[in-house]
Amino acid sequence: MNKPLPIDHALLDLYEQHKGEPERMSPADRDKLKEAWALLDELLMDLHMVRHGYAHAGYAKHLDRRIDAHCADEHVAERLRALWQ
């Protein structure tokens, strides 16, 4: 499995534009972004679980490190975190 593309503003723009539904994209874009989109979905679901108390503080710290590692820069990471505020 290839490493997913880093999460950047362009991916977040597409995610918001298509309301998180990859089926709304063209098949070519969907195939190209499949792994990055899945990672973004996973991180957003984990943020949801942390913010609603379904995960402990240690997992929240782990999630913060994962978000920082997969985002292109700190501005993208802040924007990703803000999607669930």
N, C-alpha and C. Protein backbone atom coordinates (compact mmCIF):
# COMPACT_ATOMS: atom_id res chain seq x y z
N MET A 1 0.84 -1.18 0.00
CA MET A 1 0.00 0.00 0.00
C MET A 1 0.88 1.24 0.00
N ASN A 2 0.59 2.17 -0.86
CA ASN A 2 1.34 3.42 -0.93
C ASN A 2 0.95 4.33 0.22
N LYS A 3 1.89 5.20 0.59
CA LYS A 3 1.59 6.19 1.61
C LYS A 3 0.62 7.20 1.02
N PRO A 4 -0.47 7.54 1.74
CA PRO A 4 -1.42 8.51 1.20
C PRO A 4 -0.77 9.87 0.97
N LEU A 5 -1.31 10.61 0.02
CA LEU A 5 -0.86 11.97 -0.20
C LEU A 5 -1.08 12.76 1.08
N PRO A 6 -0.24 13.76 1.34
CA PRO A 6 -0.48 14.56 2.54
C PRO A 6 -1.82 15.30 2.42
N ILE A 7 -2.43 15.52 3.55
CA ILE A 7 -3.67 16.29 3.57
C ILE A 7 -3.29 17.76 3.43
N ASP A 8 -3.87 18.42 2.43
CA ASP A 8 -3.56 19.82 2.19
C ASP A 8 -4.87 20.59 2.01
N HIS A 9 -4.74 21.90 1.79
CA HIS A 9 -5.94 22.73 1.64
C HIS A 9 -6.77 22.29 0.45
N ALA A 10 -6.14 21.87 -0.63
CA ALA A 10 -6.88 21.43 -1.81
C ALA A 10 -7.76 20.22 -1.49
N LEU A 11 -7.23 19.27 -0.73
CA LEU A 11 -8.03 18.10 -0.35
C LEU A 11 -9.17 18.50 0.57
N LEU A 12 -8.90 19.38 1.52
CA LEU A 12 -9.97 19.84 2.41
C LEU A 12 -11.04 20.61 1.63
N ASP A 13 -10.62 21.39 0.63
CA ASP A 13 -11.58 22.09 -0.22
C ASP A 13 -12.50 21.08 -0.92
N LEU A 14 -11.91 20.05 -1.50
CA LEU A 14 -12.70 19.01 -2.18
C LEU A 14 -13.62 18.30 -1.21
N TYR A 15 -13.11 17.99 -0.03
CA TYR A 15 -13.91 17.29 0.98
C TYR A 15 -15.14 18.12 1.34
N GLU A 16 -14.92 19.41 1.55
CA GLU A 16 -16.05 20.28 1.90
C GLU A 16 -16.99 20.47 0.71
N GLN A 17 -16.42 20.64 -0.47
CA GLN A 17 -17.22 20.83 -1.68
C GLN A 17 -18.14 19.64 -1.93
N HIS A 18 -17.62 18.44 -1.69
CA HIS A 18 -18.39 17.21 -1.96
C HIS A 18 -19.05 16.66 -0.70
N LYS A 19 -19.02 17.46 0.37
CA LYS A 19 -19.67 17.12 1.63
C LYS A 19 -19.23 15.76 2.17
N GLY A 20 -17.95 15.43 1.96
CA GLY A 20 -17.40 14.19 2.46
C GLY A 20 -17.82 12.95 1.69
N GLU A 21 -18.48 13.12 0.58
CA GLU A 21 -18.98 11.99 -0.20
C GLU A 21 -18.16 11.84 -1.49
N PRO A 22 -17.24 10.88 -1.52
CA PRO A 22 -16.40 10.72 -2.71
C PRO A 22 -17.18 10.36 -3.97
N GLU A 23 -18.38 9.83 -3.80
CA GLU A 23 -19.21 9.46 -4.95
C GLU A 23 -19.58 10.68 -5.79
N ARG A 24 -19.47 11.87 -5.23
CA ARG A 24 -19.80 13.09 -5.96
C ARG A 24 -18.66 13.54 -6.88
N MET A 25 -17.48 12.93 -6.74
CA MET A 25 -16.34 13.28 -7.58
C MET A 25 -16.32 12.43 -8.84
N SER A 26 -15.54 12.85 -9.80
CA SER A 26 -15.37 12.04 -11.00
C SER A 26 -14.64 10.75 -10.62
N PRO A 27 -14.86 9.68 -11.35
CA PRO A 27 -14.17 8.43 -11.03
C PRO A 27 -12.65 8.56 -11.03
N ALA A 28 -12.10 9.35 -11.93
CA ALA A 28 -10.64 9.52 -11.98
C ALA A 28 -10.14 10.20 -10.70
N ASP A 29 -10.81 11.27 -10.27
CA ASP A 29 -10.41 11.96 -9.03
C ASP A 29 -10.60 11.05 -7.83
N ARG A 30 -11.69 10.32 -7.83
CA ARG A 30 -11.98 9.41 -6.72
C ARG A 30 -10.88 8.37 -6.58
N ASP A 31 -10.44 7.80 -7.68
CA ASP A 31 -9.38 6.79 -7.63
C ASP A 31 -8.05 7.40 -7.19
N LYS A 32 -7.75 8.59 -7.68
CA LYS A 32 -6.50 9.26 -7.35
C LYS A 32 -6.42 9.62 -5.87
N LEU A 33 -7.55 10.00 -5.29
CA LEU A 33 -7.58 10.48 -3.90
C LEU A 33 -8.09 9.45 -2.90
N LYS A 34 -8.29 8.23 -3.34
CA LYS A 34 -8.93 7.20 -2.51
C LYS A 34 -8.27 7.05 -1.14
N GLU A 35 -6.96 6.88 -1.10
CA GLU A 35 -6.27 6.65 0.17
C GLU A 35 -6.24 7.90 1.04
N ALA A 36 -5.99 9.05 0.44
CA ALA A 36 -5.96 10.29 1.21
C ALA A 36 -7.35 10.61 1.77
N TRP A 37 -8.38 10.35 0.96
CA TRP A 37 -9.76 10.59 1.39
C TRP A 37 -10.12 9.68 2.56
N ALA A 38 -9.72 8.42 2.48
CA ALA A 38 -10.00 7.47 3.56
C ALA A 38 -9.30 7.90 4.85
N LEU A 39 -8.05 8.35 4.74
CA LEU A 39 -7.32 8.84 5.90
C LEU A 39 -8.02 10.05 6.50
N LEU A 40 -8.43 10.98 5.67
CA LEU A 40 -9.13 12.17 6.15
C LEU A 40 -10.43 11.79 6.85
N ASP A 41 -11.20 10.89 6.27
CA ASP A 41 -12.42 10.39 6.91
C ASP A 41 -12.12 9.79 8.29
N GLU A 42 -11.07 8.98 8.35
CA GLU A 42 -10.69 8.33 9.60
C GLU A 42 -10.32 9.36 10.67
N LEU A 43 -9.51 10.34 10.30
CA LEU A 43 -9.10 11.36 11.26
C LEU A 43 -10.30 12.18 11.74
N LEU A 44 -11.21 12.50 10.84
CA LEU A 44 -12.39 13.27 11.23
C LEU A 44 -13.31 12.45 12.15
N MET A 45 -13.44 11.16 11.89
CA MET A 45 -14.25 10.32 12.76
C MET A 45 -13.60 10.22 14.14
N ASP A 46 -12.28 10.09 14.18
CA ASP A 46 -11.58 10.05 15.46
C ASP A 46 -11.74 11.36 16.22
N LEU A 47 -11.66 12.49 15.52
CA LEU A 47 -11.89 13.79 16.16
C LEU A 47 -13.29 13.85 16.77
N HIS A 48 -14.26 13.36 16.03
CA HIS A 48 -15.64 13.32 16.52
C HIS A 48 -15.72 12.49 17.81
N MET A 49 -15.09 11.34 17.81
CA MET A 49 -15.14 10.46 19.00
C MET A 49 -14.45 11.11 20.19
N VAL A 50 -13.31 11.76 19.96
CA VAL A 50 -12.60 12.44 21.05
C VAL A 50 -13.45 13.58 21.60
N ARG A 51 -14.00 14.37 20.73
CA ARG A 51 -14.76 15.56 21.17
C ARG A 51 -16.06 15.21 21.88
N HIS A 52 -16.57 14.01 21.62
CA HIS A 52 -17.81 13.60 22.28
C HIS A 52 -17.56 12.64 23.44
N GLY A 53 -16.29 12.53 23.85
CA GLY A 53 -15.97 11.77 25.05
C GLY A 53 -15.88 10.27 24.88
N TYR A 54 -15.78 9.78 23.66
CA TYR A 54 -15.69 8.34 23.43
C TYR A 54 -14.26 7.81 23.43
N ALA A 55 -13.29 8.69 23.63
CA ALA A 55 -11.88 8.28 23.66
C ALA A 55 -11.20 8.99 24.83
N HIS A 56 -10.20 8.36 25.39
CA HIS A 56 -9.51 8.94 26.54
C HIS A 56 -8.46 9.96 26.11
N ALA A 57 -7.94 10.68 27.07
CA ALA A 57 -6.99 11.78 26.81
C ALA A 57 -5.73 11.29 26.08
N GLY A 58 -5.26 10.10 26.40
CA GLY A 58 -4.09 9.55 25.74
C GLY A 58 -4.32 9.36 24.25
N TYR A 59 -5.53 8.93 23.88
CA TYR A 59 -5.84 8.76 22.47
C TYR A 59 -5.94 10.13 21.79
N ALA A 60 -6.44 11.12 22.49
CA ALA A 60 -6.53 12.47 21.92
C ALA A 60 -5.14 12.99 21.58
N LYS A 61 -4.16 12.74 22.43
CA LYS A 61 -2.78 13.16 22.16
C LYS A 61 -2.22 12.41 20.95
N HIS A 62 -2.50 11.12 20.89
CA HIS A 62 -2.07 10.30 19.75
C HIS A 62 -2.69 10.84 18.45
N LEU A 63 -3.96 11.18 18.51
CA LEU A 63 -4.65 11.72 17.34
C LEU A 63 -4.04 13.04 16.91
N ASP A 64 -3.71 13.91 17.85
CA ASP A 64 -3.06 15.17 17.51
C ASP A 64 -1.76 14.94 16.77
N ARG A 65 -0.98 13.96 17.22
CA ARG A 65 0.29 13.65 16.55
C ARG A 65 0.04 13.12 15.14
N ARG A 66 -0.98 12.28 14.98
CA ARG A 66 -1.30 11.75 13.65
C ARG A 66 -1.74 12.86 12.70
N ILE A 67 -2.57 13.76 13.19
CA ILE A 67 -3.02 14.87 12.35
C ILE A 67 -1.83 15.71 11.91
N ASP A 68 -0.96 16.03 12.86
CA ASP A 68 0.23 16.83 12.52
C ASP A 68 1.12 16.11 11.51
N ALA A 69 1.24 14.80 11.65
CA ALA A 69 2.10 14.02 10.75
C ALA A 69 1.55 13.93 9.33
N HIS A 70 0.24 13.92 9.19
CA HIS A 70 -0.37 13.71 7.87
C HIS A 70 -0.78 15.00 7.16
N CYS A 71 -0.75 16.12 7.86
CA CYS A 71 -1.13 17.38 7.23
C CYS A 71 0.09 18.08 6.66
N ALA A 72 -0.12 18.80 5.57
CA ALA A 72 0.98 19.47 4.87
C ALA A 72 1.65 20.53 5.74
N ASP A 73 0.88 21.20 6.59
CA ASP A 73 1.46 22.20 7.50
C ASP A 73 0.49 22.44 8.65
N GLU A 74 0.89 23.31 9.58
CA GLU A 74 0.07 23.53 10.78
C GLU A 74 -1.25 24.23 10.46
N HIS A 75 -1.30 25.01 9.38
CA HIS A 75 -2.55 25.67 9.00
C HIS A 75 -3.58 24.65 8.51
N VAL A 76 -3.11 23.66 7.78
CA VAL A 76 -4.01 22.59 7.32
C VAL A 76 -4.49 21.79 8.53
N ALA A 77 -3.60 21.50 9.47
CA ALA A 77 -3.98 20.76 10.67
C ALA A 77 -5.03 21.52 11.47
N GLU A 78 -4.86 22.83 11.61
CA GLU A 78 -5.85 23.65 12.33
C GLU A 78 -7.19 23.63 11.61
N ARG A 79 -7.14 23.72 10.30
CA ARG A 79 -8.38 23.71 9.52
C ARG A 79 -9.09 22.37 9.64
N LEU A 80 -8.32 21.27 9.60
CA LEU A 80 -8.93 19.95 9.76
C LEU A 80 -9.60 19.84 11.12
N ARG A 81 -8.91 20.27 12.17
CA ARG A 81 -9.49 20.20 13.52
C ARG A 81 -10.75 21.06 13.61
N ALA A 82 -10.80 22.17 12.90
CA ALA A 82 -11.95 23.06 12.96
C ALA A 82 -13.19 22.51 12.25
N LEU A 83 -13.02 21.52 11.41
CA LEU A 83 -14.16 20.95 10.71
C LEU A 83 -15.19 20.37 11.68
N TRP A 84 -14.75 19.97 12.88
CA TRP A 84 -15.68 19.39 13.85
C TRP A 84 -15.96 20.30 15.04
N GLN A 85 -15.69 21.62 14.90
CA GLN A 85 -15.99 22.54 16.00
C GLN A 85 -17.28 23.26 15.78
